[in-house]
C-alpha cells in the first residue's frame, strides 16, 4: 500500500494539471476576427474550467460579455464563441463552439459545448 500512494498522488497531479484554468484575458486575446481559425486554440484547454466553475445560471449577459468578450456570432438569444477546430486524425473535421443561451431578461439560461462536423 505504501508504494501505491506516491503513484496515486502523481496521477492526481497529472489530471489536475491537464486542463488549464480559465483566464479571461487569454480567452479574449484570441478571436476569429483577429486571428483566423486555428486548428488548436488556447480556448479549448480552458473550456472545461469555464463551463464547470465560471459560468452560472442567471448570470447577466453584460457580465458574460465582460468575462468572455464579444461573441463571435450572436443569433437571437444566444452567444456563440469559436473554441477551435475539431479534428479526426490529421484532418480538420469541423469546429468546436461554446453556445450560451439567454432568457428574455438577458440572464444566462444554459450553455453547451457544440462540436460540428463537416463531411
Protein backbone atom coordinates (compact mmCIF):
# COMPACT_ATOMS: atom_id res chain seq x y z
CA UNK A 1 0.00 0.00 0.00
CA UNK A 2 2.82 2.38 0.82
CA UNK A 3 4.34 2.10 -2.69
CA UNK A 4 0.98 2.81 -4.32
CA UNK A 5 0.46 6.10 -2.52
CA UNK A 6 3.11 8.11 -4.47
CA UNK A 7 1.69 6.77 -7.74
CA UNK A 8 -1.82 7.87 -6.78
CA UNK A 9 -0.55 11.34 -5.83
CA UNK A 10 1.34 11.68 -9.13
CA UNK A 11 -1.70 10.57 -11.10
CA UNK A 12 -3.92 13.09 -9.28
CA UNK A 13 -1.44 15.88 -10.01
CA UNK A 14 -1.24 14.94 -13.68
CA UNK A 15 -5.02 15.03 -14.03
CA UNK A 16 -5.28 18.35 -12.18
CA UNK A 17 -2.64 19.92 -14.42
CA UNK A 18 -4.05 18.61 -17.70
CA UNK A 19 -6.80 21.23 -18.05
CA UNK A 20 -5.66 24.82 -17.66
CA UNK A 21 -7.77 27.10 -15.53
CA UNK A 22 -9.91 29.64 -17.32
CA UNK A 23 -8.25 33.01 -17.82
CA UNK A 24 -10.45 35.82 -19.13
CA UNK A 25 -7.57 37.81 -20.64
CA UNK A 26 -6.21 34.80 -22.54
CA UNK A 27 -9.71 33.89 -23.78
CA UNK A 28 -10.35 37.42 -25.05
CA UNK A 29 -6.93 37.79 -26.72
CA UNK A 30 -7.96 35.32 -29.38
CA UNK A 31 -10.96 35.73 -31.63
CA UNK A 32 -11.93 34.55 -35.09
CA UNK A 33 -11.97 38.14 -36.34
CA UNK A 34 -8.45 38.91 -35.17
CA UNK A 35 -6.61 35.59 -35.53
CA UNK A 36 -8.31 33.47 -38.17
CA UNK A 37 -9.26 29.88 -37.46
CA UNK A 38 -6.51 27.78 -35.85
CA UNK A 39 -6.58 24.01 -35.57
CA UNK A 40 -6.00 24.22 -31.81
CA UNK A 41 -6.68 27.24 -29.65
CA UNK A 42 -5.96 28.02 -26.02
CA UNK A 43 -9.72 28.31 -25.56
CA UNK A 44 -10.10 24.53 -25.96
CA UNK A 45 -7.91 23.87 -22.95
CA UNK A 46 -9.81 26.31 -20.72
CA UNK A 47 -13.31 25.25 -21.77
CA UNK A 48 -13.87 22.64 -19.07
CA UNK A 49 -12.97 25.01 -16.22
CA UNK A 50 -15.05 27.79 -17.74
CA UNK A 51 -18.14 25.61 -18.09
CA UNK A 52 -17.77 23.92 -14.70
CA UNK A 53 -16.67 26.79 -12.48
CA UNK A 54 -17.10 30.22 -14.07
CA UNK A 55 -20.48 30.28 -15.79
CA UNK A 56 -23.63 30.26 -13.67
CA UNK A 57 -27.33 30.29 -14.45
CA UNK A 58 -28.87 33.76 -14.22
CA UNK A 59 -25.53 35.48 -14.91
CA UNK A 60 -26.36 38.78 -16.71
CA UNK A 61 -25.45 39.00 -20.40
CA UNK A 62 -23.22 42.02 -19.71
CA UNK A 63 -21.28 40.06 -17.08
CA UNK A 64 -20.81 37.18 -19.52
CA UNK A 65 -19.54 39.57 -22.17
CA UNK A 66 -17.16 41.18 -19.65
CA UNK A 67 -15.81 37.70 -18.85
CA UNK A 68 -15.57 36.36 -22.43
CA UNK A 69 -15.51 39.44 -24.66
CA UNK A 70 -17.89 39.97 -27.55
CA UNK A 71 -19.26 36.76 -29.11
CA UNK A 72 -18.05 35.56 -32.50
CA UNK A 73 -21.69 35.18 -33.50
CA UNK A 74 -24.88 36.33 -31.79
CA UNK A 75 -28.03 34.77 -33.22
CA UNK A 76 -31.25 35.64 -31.40
CA UNK A 77 -30.96 34.94 -27.67
CA UNK A 78 -27.55 33.21 -27.98
CA UNK A 79 -23.84 33.92 -27.91
CA UNK A 80 -21.51 31.65 -29.90
CA UNK A 81 -17.78 31.60 -29.23
CA UNK A 82 -15.47 29.72 -31.56
CA UNK A 83 -13.32 27.43 -29.43
CA UNK A 84 -11.20 25.66 -32.05
CA UNK A 85 -11.17 23.14 -34.85
CA UNK A 86 -12.26 19.59 -34.18
CA UNK A 87 -10.12 17.04 -35.90
CA UNK A 88 -10.22 13.43 -36.90
CA UNK A 89 -6.63 12.29 -37.08
CA UNK A 90 -4.73 14.70 -39.30
CA UNK A 91 -7.82 16.20 -40.93
CA UNK A 92 -9.97 19.05 -39.63
CA UNK A 93 -13.50 17.68 -39.41
CA UNK A 94 -15.41 20.66 -38.08
CA UNK A 95 -15.43 23.27 -35.37
CA UNK A 96 -15.97 23.48 -31.62
CA UNK A 97 -18.19 26.24 -30.24
CA UNK A 98 -19.29 27.38 -26.81
CA UNK A 99 -23.00 28.16 -27.10
CA UNK A 100 -24.63 30.33 -24.44
CA UNK A 101 -28.42 30.71 -24.29
CA UNK A 102 -30.05 33.69 -22.57
CA UNK A 103 -33.60 34.18 -21.32
CA UNK A 104 -35.80 37.14 -22.32
CA UNK A 105 -34.39 39.22 -19.44
CA UNK A 106 -30.77 38.63 -20.52
CA UNK A 107 -29.92 36.09 -17.83
CA UNK A 108 -27.79 33.08 -18.75
CA UNK A 109 -30.15 30.15 -19.11
CA UNK A 110 -27.83 27.37 -20.30
CA UNK A 111 -24.57 26.62 -22.09
CA UNK A 112 -23.10 23.76 -24.07
CA UNK A 113 -20.01 22.70 -25.99
CA UNK A 114 -21.12 22.17 -29.59
CA UNK A 115 -18.95 20.12 -31.95
CA UNK A 116 -19.86 20.45 -35.62
CA UNK A 117 -18.75 18.03 -38.32
CA UNK A 118 -18.33 18.69 -41.99
CA UNK A 119 -18.45 15.78 -44.42
